[in-house]
Amino acid sequence: MGKPVMITSSYRRPAQNEKLNATMTHTSGQAVDVSVGVGWVQKLIKIALEESLTGIDVKQKG
């Protein structure tokens, strides 16, 4: 399996967020973006759900 999880983005200043045309959850500290290694996606989602995290969005690259 590859590297488990790496945070790629967390809090963003509003001006930076606007340039990315992103939602406001990053500017309020309510969101993080992570890069997940092969084989770790299901584990991360399971943990997030067990911790009652919401708004989980999965995007696949490659």
N, C-alpha and C. Protein backbone atom coordinates (compact mmCIF):
# COMPACT_ATOMS: atom_id res chain seq x y z
N MET A 1 0.83 -1.19 0.00
CA MET A 1 0.00 0.00 0.00
C MET A 1 0.87 1.24 0.00
N GLY A 2 0.36 2.30 -0.62
CA GLY A 2 1.09 3.56 -0.68
C GLY A 2 1.02 4.32 0.63
N LYS A 3 1.46 5.56 0.60
CA LYS A 3 1.41 6.40 1.80
C LYS A 3 -0.05 6.55 2.21
N PRO A 4 -0.33 6.52 3.52
CA PRO A 4 -1.72 6.56 3.95
C PRO A 4 -2.44 7.87 3.59
N VAL A 5 -2.17 8.94 4.29
CA VAL A 5 -2.93 10.18 4.11
C VAL A 5 -2.00 11.37 4.27
N MET A 6 -2.15 12.36 3.38
CA MET A 6 -1.39 13.59 3.50
C MET A 6 -2.35 14.76 3.29
N ILE A 7 -2.35 15.70 4.22
CA ILE A 7 -3.18 16.91 4.07
C ILE A 7 -2.56 17.77 2.98
N THR A 8 -3.38 18.13 1.98
CA THR A 8 -2.88 18.96 0.88
C THR A 8 -3.41 20.38 0.93
N SER A 9 -4.47 20.61 1.71
CA SER A 9 -5.02 21.95 1.84
C SER A 9 -5.89 22.00 3.09
N SER A 10 -5.81 23.10 3.81
CA SER A 10 -6.67 23.28 4.99
C SER A 10 -7.26 24.68 4.95
N TYR A 11 -6.95 25.52 5.94
CA TYR A 11 -7.51 26.88 5.95
C TYR A 11 -7.00 27.66 4.74
N ARG A 12 -7.90 28.40 4.13
CA ARG A 12 -7.53 29.29 3.03
C ARG A 12 -8.05 30.69 3.32
N ARG A 13 -7.25 31.69 2.96
CA ARG A 13 -7.73 33.08 3.03
C ARG A 13 -8.83 33.25 2.00
N PRO A 14 -9.82 34.10 2.26
CA PRO A 14 -10.91 34.28 1.30
C PRO A 14 -10.45 34.62 -0.11
N ALA A 15 -9.44 35.46 -0.27
CA ALA A 15 -8.96 35.83 -1.61
C ALA A 15 -8.39 34.61 -2.34
N GLN A 16 -7.65 33.79 -1.62
CA GLN A 16 -7.08 32.58 -2.20
C GLN A 16 -8.20 31.61 -2.59
N ASN A 17 -9.18 31.48 -1.72
CA ASN A 17 -10.31 30.58 -1.98
C ASN A 17 -11.10 31.03 -3.21
N GLU A 18 -11.26 32.33 -3.35
CA GLU A 18 -12.00 32.87 -4.50
C GLU A 18 -11.29 32.54 -5.81
N LYS A 19 -9.97 32.62 -5.82
CA LYS A 19 -9.21 32.28 -7.02
C LYS A 19 -9.42 30.83 -7.43
N LEU A 20 -9.65 29.97 -6.45
CA LEU A 20 -9.87 28.55 -6.71
C LEU A 20 -11.33 28.22 -7.00
N ASN A 21 -12.20 29.25 -6.86
CA ASN A 21 -13.63 29.06 -7.05
C ASN A 21 -14.15 27.93 -6.16
N ALA A 22 -13.69 27.92 -4.91
CA ALA A 22 -14.01 26.85 -3.98
C ALA A 22 -15.11 27.26 -3.00
N THR A 23 -15.61 26.27 -2.28
CA THR A 23 -16.64 26.55 -1.28
C THR A 23 -16.03 27.28 -0.10
N MET A 24 -16.86 27.85 0.72
CA MET A 24 -16.39 28.66 1.84
C MET A 24 -15.99 27.83 3.07
N THR A 25 -16.14 26.53 3.03
CA THR A 25 -15.81 25.73 4.20
C THR A 25 -14.32 25.80 4.56
N HIS A 26 -13.47 26.03 3.59
CA HIS A 26 -12.04 26.17 3.88
C HIS A 26 -11.76 27.48 4.60
N THR A 27 -12.47 28.54 4.25
CA THR A 27 -12.21 29.84 4.88
C THR A 27 -12.73 29.91 6.31
N SER A 28 -13.60 29.00 6.68
CA SER A 28 -14.09 28.97 8.06
C SER A 28 -13.42 27.86 8.88
N GLY A 29 -12.43 27.20 8.29
CA GLY A 29 -11.71 26.15 9.00
C GLY A 29 -12.49 24.86 9.15
N GLN A 30 -13.49 24.64 8.31
CA GLN A 30 -14.33 23.45 8.41
C GLN A 30 -14.02 22.40 7.36
N ALA A 31 -12.94 22.56 6.62
CA ALA A 31 -12.64 21.59 5.56
C ALA A 31 -11.14 21.40 5.42
N VAL A 32 -10.77 20.22 4.98
CA VAL A 32 -9.40 19.92 4.59
C VAL A 32 -9.46 19.06 3.34
N ASP A 33 -8.44 19.17 2.53
CA ASP A 33 -8.29 18.28 1.37
C ASP A 33 -7.15 17.33 1.71
N VAL A 34 -7.32 16.08 1.37
CA VAL A 34 -6.28 15.10 1.64
C VAL A 34 -6.00 14.28 0.40
N SER A 35 -4.77 13.82 0.31
CA SER A 35 -4.37 12.87 -0.72
C SER A 35 -4.24 11.53 -0.01
N VAL A 36 -4.89 10.53 -0.56
CA VAL A 36 -4.95 9.23 0.10
C VAL A 36 -4.27 8.18 -0.77
N GLY A 37 -3.38 7.41 -0.17
CA GLY A 37 -2.68 6.36 -0.88
C GLY A 37 -3.61 5.22 -1.29
N VAL A 38 -3.18 4.49 -2.29
CA VAL A 38 -3.94 3.34 -2.78
C VAL A 38 -4.23 2.39 -1.62
N GLY A 39 -5.47 1.97 -1.52
CA GLY A 39 -5.86 1.03 -0.48
C GLY A 39 -6.29 1.67 0.83
N TRP A 40 -6.21 2.99 0.94
CA TRP A 40 -6.55 3.67 2.19
C TRP A 40 -7.87 4.42 2.14
N VAL A 41 -8.47 4.57 0.98
CA VAL A 41 -9.69 5.38 0.86
C VAL A 41 -10.80 4.85 1.76
N GLN A 42 -11.08 3.55 1.67
CA GLN A 42 -12.17 2.98 2.46
C GLN A 42 -11.89 3.11 3.96
N LYS A 43 -10.64 2.94 4.36
CA LYS A 43 -10.29 3.07 5.77
C LYS A 43 -10.54 4.50 6.26
N LEU A 44 -10.13 5.48 5.45
CA LEU A 44 -10.32 6.87 5.84
C LEU A 44 -11.80 7.22 5.92
N ILE A 45 -12.59 6.78 4.96
CA ILE A 45 -14.03 7.06 4.99
C ILE A 45 -14.67 6.41 6.21
N LYS A 46 -14.29 5.18 6.53
CA LYS A 46 -14.83 4.48 7.70
C LYS A 46 -14.54 5.27 8.97
N ILE A 47 -13.31 5.73 9.13
CA ILE A 47 -12.94 6.51 10.32
C ILE A 47 -13.74 7.81 10.37
N ALA A 48 -13.85 8.50 9.22
CA ALA A 48 -14.59 9.77 9.18
C ALA A 48 -16.04 9.57 9.59
N LEU A 49 -16.67 8.52 9.10
CA LEU A 49 -18.06 8.24 9.46
C LEU A 49 -18.19 7.87 10.94
N GLU A 50 -17.26 7.10 11.46
CA GLU A 50 -17.28 6.74 12.88
C GLU A 50 -17.15 7.97 13.77
N GLU A 51 -16.45 9.00 13.27
CA GLU A 51 -16.27 10.24 14.02
C GLU A 51 -17.36 11.27 13.73
N SER A 52 -18.39 10.86 12.98
CA SER A 52 -19.54 11.70 12.64
C SER A 52 -19.16 12.91 11.78
N LEU A 53 -18.12 12.77 10.97
CA LEU A 53 -17.76 13.84 10.05
C LEU A 53 -18.74 13.81 8.88
N THR A 54 -19.06 14.98 8.36
CA THR A 54 -20.02 15.07 7.26
C THR A 54 -19.38 15.78 6.07
N GLY A 55 -20.08 15.77 4.96
CA GLY A 55 -19.59 16.47 3.78
C GLY A 55 -18.40 15.79 3.14
N ILE A 56 -18.33 14.49 3.25
CA ILE A 56 -17.21 13.74 2.68
C ILE A 56 -17.40 13.68 1.16
N ASP A 57 -16.38 14.10 0.45
CA ASP A 57 -16.42 14.10 -1.02
C ASP A 57 -15.18 13.38 -1.52
N VAL A 58 -15.37 12.45 -2.42
CA VAL A 58 -14.25 11.68 -2.93
C VAL A 58 -14.09 11.97 -4.42
N LYS A 59 -12.88 12.35 -4.80
CA LYS A 59 -12.56 12.58 -6.20
C LYS A 59 -11.35 11.71 -6.55
N GLN A 60 -11.45 11.02 -7.65
CA GLN A 60 -10.37 10.13 -8.05
C GLN A 60 -9.60 10.74 -9.20
N LYS A 61 -8.28 10.68 -9.10
CA LYS A 61 -7.42 11.14 -10.19
C LYS A 61 -6.69 9.95 -10.76
N GLY A 62 -6.49 9.97 -12.06
CA GLY A 62 -5.69 8.93 -12.68
C GLY A 62 -6.46 7.74 -13.13
